[in-house]
Amino acid sequence: DLIIAANFVTGPVVEYTLDVTTAGSGQVVLNPPGGLYNEGTTVELTAVGDAGWQFSNWSGDLSGTANPATIVMTKDYAAVGNFETDTTPPVISNIQVTPGQNSATVSWRTDEPTTGVVDYGESQSYELGFEEDTALLQDHSVVLSGLSPGVAYHLQITATDDTGNSTVSADV
């Protein structure tokens, strides 16, 4: 019988530092968390703007606008998450109206968390009032009740983000 024993020689574990700072008002979340990583570790950086701020780009040893971004630790890195005040109004899309017996459900999507107001009426004066979705969401739905069958109604959606930027849809 022949027995072969293998001896492996390993060196010390190589660790690198990831130093992350921010410019503007926001934070960068690291996954895995920490700041000191073994060589070859892939770290995901996710920039999260504070209320009224949005991520704009990376600088330092990381560049671009990808969010989240990744770094493979092969050396010490320093990255900056840059944030700017939010002056961009939301975008409203995918407006759908589902009629019921004496009601209609209006749903829509926005490209960022917003509140929503649906004004409605038998004319573009929207004289019947409004329904609100007060939660900051991207997917919205409200029910318009007290409607009469066979009557054409008009509606218009206003979406407002957490910094007061608003968008008003076309008449539907």
C-alpha atoms as a PDB file:
ATOM      1  CA  ASP A   1       0.000   0.000   0.000  1.00  0.00           C
ATOM      2  CA  LEU A   2       1.183   3.420  -0.887  1.00  0.00           C
ATOM      3  CA  ILE A   3      -0.063   6.434   1.078  1.00  0.00           C
ATOM      4  CA  ILE A   4       0.700   9.882  -0.229  1.00  0.00           C
ATOM      5  CA  ALA A   5       0.380  12.783   2.137  1.00  0.00           C
ATOM      6  CA  ALA A   6       0.082  16.283   0.786  1.00  0.00           C
ATOM      7  CA  ASN A   7       1.321  19.264   2.681  1.00  0.00           C
ATOM      8  CA  PHE A   8      -0.143  22.595   1.660  1.00  0.00           C
ATOM      9  CA  VAL A   9       1.648  25.766   2.517  1.00  0.00           C
ATOM     10  CA  THR A  10      -0.595  28.757   2.863  1.00  0.00           C
ATOM     11  CA  GLY A  11       0.420  32.297   3.477  1.00  0.00           C
ATOM     12  CA  PRO A  12      -1.346  34.822   5.637  1.00  0.00           C
ATOM     13  CA  VAL A  13      -4.798  35.988   4.624  1.00  0.00           C
ATOM     14  CA  VAL A  14      -4.536  39.207   2.640  1.00  0.00           C
ATOM     15  CA  GLU A  15      -7.076  41.861   3.666  1.00  0.00           C
ATOM     16  CA  TYR A  16      -7.951  45.146   2.024  1.00  0.00           C
ATOM     17  CA  THR A  17      -9.821  48.201   3.257  1.00  0.00           C
ATOM     18  CA  LEU A  18     -12.852  49.726   1.543  1.00  0.00           C
ATOM     19  CA  ASP A  19     -13.221  53.316   2.729  1.00  0.00           C
ATOM     20  CA  VAL A  20     -16.607  54.776   1.740  1.00  0.00           C
ATOM     21  CA  THR A  21     -17.656  58.390   2.258  1.00  0.00           C
ATOM     22  CA  THR A  22     -20.556  60.466   0.977  1.00  0.00           C
ATOM     23  CA  ALA A  23     -20.953  63.927  -0.507  1.00  0.00           C
ATOM     24  CA  GLY A  24     -24.417  65.370  -0.023  1.00  0.00           C
ATOM     25  CA  SER A  25     -27.051  63.737   2.124  1.00  0.00           C
ATOM     26  CA  GLY A  26     -27.296  59.963   1.943  1.00  0.00           C
ATOM     27  CA  GLN A  27     -25.601  56.740   2.902  1.00  0.00           C
ATOM     28  CA  VAL A  28     -23.865  53.820   1.239  1.00  0.00           C
ATOM     29  CA  VAL A  29     -24.825  50.322   2.368  1.00  0.00           C
ATOM     30  CA  LEU A  30     -22.166  47.627   1.971  1.00  0.00           C
ATOM     31  CA  ASN A  31     -22.970  43.961   1.370  1.00  0.00           C
ATOM     32  CA  PRO A  32     -21.330  42.165   3.009  1.00  0.00           C
ATOM     33  CA  PRO A  33     -21.114  44.832   5.708  1.00  0.00           C
ATOM     34  CA  GLY A  34     -17.787  45.886   7.096  1.00  0.00           C
ATOM     35  CA  GLY A  35     -14.924  47.747   5.552  1.00  0.00           C
ATOM     36  CA  LEU A  36     -12.125  45.209   5.864  1.00  0.00           C
ATOM     37  CA  TYR A  37     -12.339  42.321   3.397  1.00  0.00           C
ATOM     38  CA  ASN A  38     -10.340  39.275   2.368  1.00  0.00           C
ATOM     39  CA  GLU A  39      -8.691  39.469  -1.026  1.00  0.00           C
ATOM     40  CA  GLY A  40     -11.108  38.501  -3.814  1.00  0.00           C
ATOM     41  CA  THR A  41     -14.277  39.356  -1.874  1.00  0.00           C
ATOM     42  CA  THR A  42     -16.993  40.949  -4.025  1.00  0.00           C
ATOM     43  CA  VAL A  43     -18.629  43.879  -2.247  1.00  0.00           C
ATOM     44  CA  GLU A  44     -21.904  45.454  -3.377  1.00  0.00           C
ATOM     45  CA  LEU A  45     -22.324  49.176  -2.665  1.00  0.00           C
ATOM     46  CA  THR A  46     -25.868  50.586  -2.651  1.00  0.00           C
ATOM     47  CA  ALA A  47     -26.344  54.355  -2.412  1.00  0.00           C
ATOM     48  CA  VAL A  48     -29.505  55.488  -0.603  1.00  0.00           C
ATOM     49  CA  GLY A  49     -30.386  59.176  -0.620  1.00  0.00           C
ATOM     50  CA  ASP A  50     -31.934  60.845   2.411  1.00  0.00           C
ATOM     51  CA  ALA A  51     -35.371  62.467   2.000  1.00  0.00           C
ATOM     52  CA  GLY A  52     -35.109  65.120  -0.698  1.00  0.00           C
ATOM     53  CA  TRP A  53     -31.800  63.784  -2.032  1.00  0.00           C
ATOM     54  CA  GLN A  54     -30.992  61.367  -4.827  1.00  0.00           C
ATOM     55  CA  PHE A  55     -27.882  59.422  -5.770  1.00  0.00           C
ATOM     56  CA  SER A  56     -26.020  61.058  -8.655  1.00  0.00           C
ATOM     57  CA  ASN A  57     -22.753  59.135  -9.172  1.00  0.00           C
ATOM     58  CA  TRP A  58     -19.667  57.457  -7.734  1.00  0.00           C
ATOM     59  CA  SER A  59     -16.218  59.014  -7.518  1.00  0.00           C
ATOM     60  CA  GLY A  60     -12.838  58.040  -6.094  1.00  0.00           C
ATOM     61  CA  ASP A  61     -11.797  54.521  -7.036  1.00  0.00           C
ATOM     62  CA  LEU A  62     -15.331  53.827  -8.300  1.00  0.00           C
ATOM     63  CA  SER A  63     -16.969  55.708 -11.160  1.00  0.00           C
ATOM     64  CA  GLY A  64     -20.252  55.757 -13.005  1.00  0.00           C
ATOM     65  CA  THR A  65     -23.902  55.839 -12.022  1.00  0.00           C
ATOM     66  CA  ALA A  66     -24.664  52.119 -11.559  1.00  0.00           C
ATOM     67  CA  ASN A  67     -26.529  51.622  -8.297  1.00  0.00           C
ATOM     68  CA  PRO A  68     -25.847  49.179  -6.825  1.00  0.00           C
ATOM     69  CA  ALA A  69     -22.202  48.923  -7.888  1.00  0.00           C
ATOM     70  CA  THR A  70     -19.693  46.180  -7.116  1.00  0.00           C
ATOM     71  CA  ILE A  71     -16.004  46.079  -6.300  1.00  0.00           C
ATOM     72  CA  VAL A  72     -13.796  42.973  -6.156  1.00  0.00           C
ATOM     73  CA  MET A  73     -11.265  43.556  -3.409  1.00  0.00           C
ATOM     74  CA  THR A  74      -7.810  43.326  -4.982  1.00  0.00           C
ATOM     75  CA  LYS A  75      -6.343  46.378  -3.207  1.00  0.00           C
ATOM     76  CA  ASP A  76      -7.392  49.120  -0.799  1.00  0.00           C
ATOM     77  CA  TYR A  77     -10.210  51.190  -2.288  1.00  0.00           C
ATOM     78  CA  ALA A  78     -11.752  54.569  -1.472  1.00  0.00           C
ATOM     79  CA  ALA A  79     -15.160  55.356  -2.956  1.00  0.00           C
ATOM     80  CA  VAL A  80     -17.467  58.356  -2.646  1.00  0.00           C
ATOM     81  CA  GLY A  81     -21.240  58.173  -3.057  1.00  0.00           C
ATOM     82  CA  ASN A  82     -22.392  61.550  -4.388  1.00  0.00           C
ATOM     83  CA  PHE A  83     -25.915  62.819  -3.721  1.00  0.00           C
ATOM     84  CA  GLU A  84     -27.767  65.876  -5.017  1.00  0.00           C
ATOM     85  CA  THR A  85     -31.050  67.502  -4.116  1.00  0.00           C
ATOM     86  CA  ASP A  86     -34.012  66.004  -5.927  1.00  0.00           C
ATOM     87  CA  THR A  87     -35.391  68.486  -8.450  1.00  0.00           C
ATOM     88  CA  THR A  88     -36.713  65.881 -10.885  1.00  0.00           C
ATOM     89  CA  PRO A  89     -40.478  65.437 -11.054  1.00  0.00           C
ATOM     90  CA  PRO A  90     -41.791  61.875 -11.037  1.00  0.00           C
ATOM     91  CA  VAL A  91     -42.883  60.074 -14.199  1.00  0.00           C
ATOM     92  CA  ILE A  92     -46.392  58.590 -14.283  1.00  0.00           C
ATOM     93  CA  SER A  93     -46.903  55.464 -16.393  1.00  0.00           C
ATOM     94  CA  ASN A  94     -49.164  52.456 -16.905  1.00  0.00           C
ATOM     95  CA  ILE A  95     -52.423  54.227 -16.061  1.00  0.00           C
ATOM     96  CA  GLN A  96     -55.239  51.669 -15.986  1.00  0.00           C
ATOM     97  CA  VAL A  97     -58.926  52.098 -15.233  1.00  0.00           C
ATOM     98  CA  THR A  98     -60.984  49.060 -14.267  1.00  0.00           C
ATOM     99  CA  PRO A  99     -64.719  49.841 -14.233  1.00  0.00           C
ATOM    100  CA  GLY A 100     -67.063  48.268 -11.688  1.00  0.00           C
ATOM    101  CA  GLN A 101     -70.852  48.449 -11.172  1.00  0.00           C
ATOM    102  CA  ASN A 102     -70.882  51.938  -9.605  1.00  0.00           C
ATOM    103  CA  SER A 103     -67.143  52.509  -9.229  1.00  0.00           C
ATOM    104  CA  ALA A 104     -63.846  52.410 -11.039  1.00  0.00           C
ATOM    105  CA  THR A 105     -60.410  51.395  -9.808  1.00  0.00           C
ATOM    106  CA  VAL A 106     -57.625  53.626 -11.104  1.00  0.00           C
ATOM    107  CA  SER A 107     -54.073  52.294 -10.910  1.00  0.00           C
ATOM    108  CA  TRP A 108     -50.751  53.717 -12.071  1.00  0.00           C
ATOM    109  CA  ARG A 109     -47.001  53.476 -11.535  1.00  0.00           C
ATOM    110  CA  THR A 110     -44.391  56.150 -10.849  1.00  0.00           C
ATOM    111  CA  ASP A 111     -40.621  55.946 -11.327  1.00  0.00           C
ATOM    112  CA  GLU A 112     -39.978  56.954  -7.709  1.00  0.00           C
ATOM    113  CA  PRO A 113     -42.006  56.831  -4.482  1.00  0.00           C
ATOM    114  CA  THR A 114     -44.822  59.397  -4.605  1.00  0.00           C
ATOM    115  CA  THR A 115     -48.211  60.208  -3.185  1.00  0.00           C
ATOM    116  CA  GLY A 116     -51.084  60.497  -5.627  1.00  0.00           C
ATOM    117  CA  VAL A 117     -54.318  62.376  -6.162  1.00  0.00           C
ATOM    118  CA  VAL A 118     -56.943  61.428  -8.749  1.00  0.00           C
ATOM    119  CA  ASP A 119     -59.297  64.294  -9.634  1.00  0.00           C
ATOM    120  CA  TYR A 120     -62.426  63.167 -11.491  1.00  0.00           C
ATOM    121  CA  GLY A 121     -65.724  64.329 -12.911  1.00  0.00           C
ATOM    122  CA  GLU A 122     -67.997  64.294 -15.921  1.00  0.00           C
ATOM    123  CA  SER A 123     -65.894  67.049 -17.507  1.00  0.00           C
ATOM    124  CA  GLN A 124     -62.302  68.198 -17.480  1.00  0.00           C
ATOM    125  CA  SER A 125     -63.268  70.474 -14.572  1.00  0.00           C
ATOM    126  CA  TYR A 126     -63.128  67.318 -12.392  1.00  0.00           C
ATOM    127  CA  GLU A 127     -66.131  68.623 -10.459  1.00  0.00           C
ATOM    128  CA  LEU A 128     -66.842  65.395  -8.553  1.00  0.00           C
ATOM    129  CA  GLY A 129     -63.771  65.715  -6.325  1.00  0.00           C
ATOM    130  CA  PHE A 130     -60.718  63.597  -5.757  1.00  0.00           C
ATOM    131  CA  GLU A 131     -59.369  60.444  -4.149  1.00  0.00           C
ATOM    132  CA  GLU A 132     -55.911  60.276  -2.593  1.00  0.00           C
ATOM    133  CA  ASP A 133     -53.195  57.682  -2.158  1.00  0.00           C
ATOM    134  CA  THR A 134     -51.159  59.249   0.658  1.00  0.00           C
ATOM    135  CA  ALA A 135     -48.496  56.530   1.015  1.00  0.00           C
ATOM    136  CA  LEU A 136     -45.121  57.138  -0.653  1.00  0.00           C
ATOM    137  CA  LEU A 137     -45.211  54.262  -3.163  1.00  0.00           C
ATOM    138  CA  GLN A 138     -44.418  53.494  -6.786  1.00  0.00           C
ATOM    139  CA  ASP A 139     -47.509  51.371  -7.440  1.00  0.00           C
ATOM    140  CA  HIS A 140     -50.766  53.183  -6.735  1.00  0.00           C
ATOM    141  CA  SER A 141     -54.469  52.365  -6.730  1.00  0.00           C
ATOM    142  CA  VAL A 142     -57.582  54.285  -5.717  1.00  0.00           C
ATOM    143  CA  VAL A 143     -61.279  53.535  -6.039  1.00  0.00           C
ATOM    144  CA  LEU A 144     -63.657  56.151  -7.429  1.00  0.00           C
ATOM    145  CA  SER A 145     -67.103  55.385  -6.024  1.00  0.00           C
ATOM    146  CA  GLY A 146     -70.626  56.707  -6.543  1.00  0.00           C
ATOM    147  CA  LEU A 147     -70.349  56.584 -10.332  1.00  0.00           C
ATOM    148  CA  SER A 148     -73.311  56.015 -12.652  1.00  0.00           C
ATOM    149  CA  PRO A 149     -73.335  53.310 -15.315  1.00  0.00           C
ATOM    150  CA  GLY A 150     -73.229  54.532 -18.911  1.00  0.00           C
ATOM    151  CA  VAL A 151     -71.710  57.939 -18.032  1.00  0.00           C
ATOM    152  CA  ALA A 152     -68.320  58.990 -19.401  1.00  0.00           C
ATOM    153  CA  TYR A 153     -65.952  60.304 -16.738  1.00  0.00           C
ATOM    154  CA  HIS A 154     -62.689  62.230 -16.904  1.00  0.00           C
ATOM    155  CA  LEU A 155     -59.783  61.852 -14.521  1.00  0.00           C
ATOM    156  CA  GLN A 156     -56.352  63.306 -14.016  1.00  0.00           C
ATOM    157  CA  ILE A 157     -53.556  62.040 -11.744  1.00  0.00           C
ATOM    158  CA  THR A 158     -51.132  64.225  -9.810  1.00  0.00           C
ATOM    159  CA  ALA A 159     -48.050  62.453  -8.424  1.00  0.00           C
ATOM    160  CA  THR A 160     -45.840  64.229  -5.861  1.00  0.00           C
ATOM    161  CA  ASP A 161     -42.493  62.982  -4.523  1.00  0.00           C
ATOM    162  CA  ASP A 162     -41.147  63.556  -1.015  1.00  0.00           C
ATOM    163  CA  THR A 163     -39.508  66.870  -1.983  1.00  0.00           C
ATOM    164  CA  GLY A 164     -42.648  68.365  -3.535  1.00  0.00           C
ATOM    165  CA  ASN A 165     -41.819  67.750  -7.202  1.00  0.00           C
ATOM    166  CA  SER A 166     -45.121  67.075  -8.999  1.00  0.00           C
ATOM    167  CA  THR A 167     -46.298  65.719 -12.312  1.00  0.00           C
ATOM    168  CA  VAL A 168     -49.852  65.900 -13.659  1.00  0.00           C
ATOM    169  CA  SER A 169     -51.051  63.317 -16.154  1.00  0.00           C
ATOM    170  CA  ALA A 170     -52.993  64.094 -19.286  1.00  0.00           C
ATOM    171  CA  ASP A 171     -56.775  63.804 -19.082  1.00  0.00           C
ATOM    172  CA  VAL A 172     -57.921  60.190 -19.114  1.00  0.00           C
END
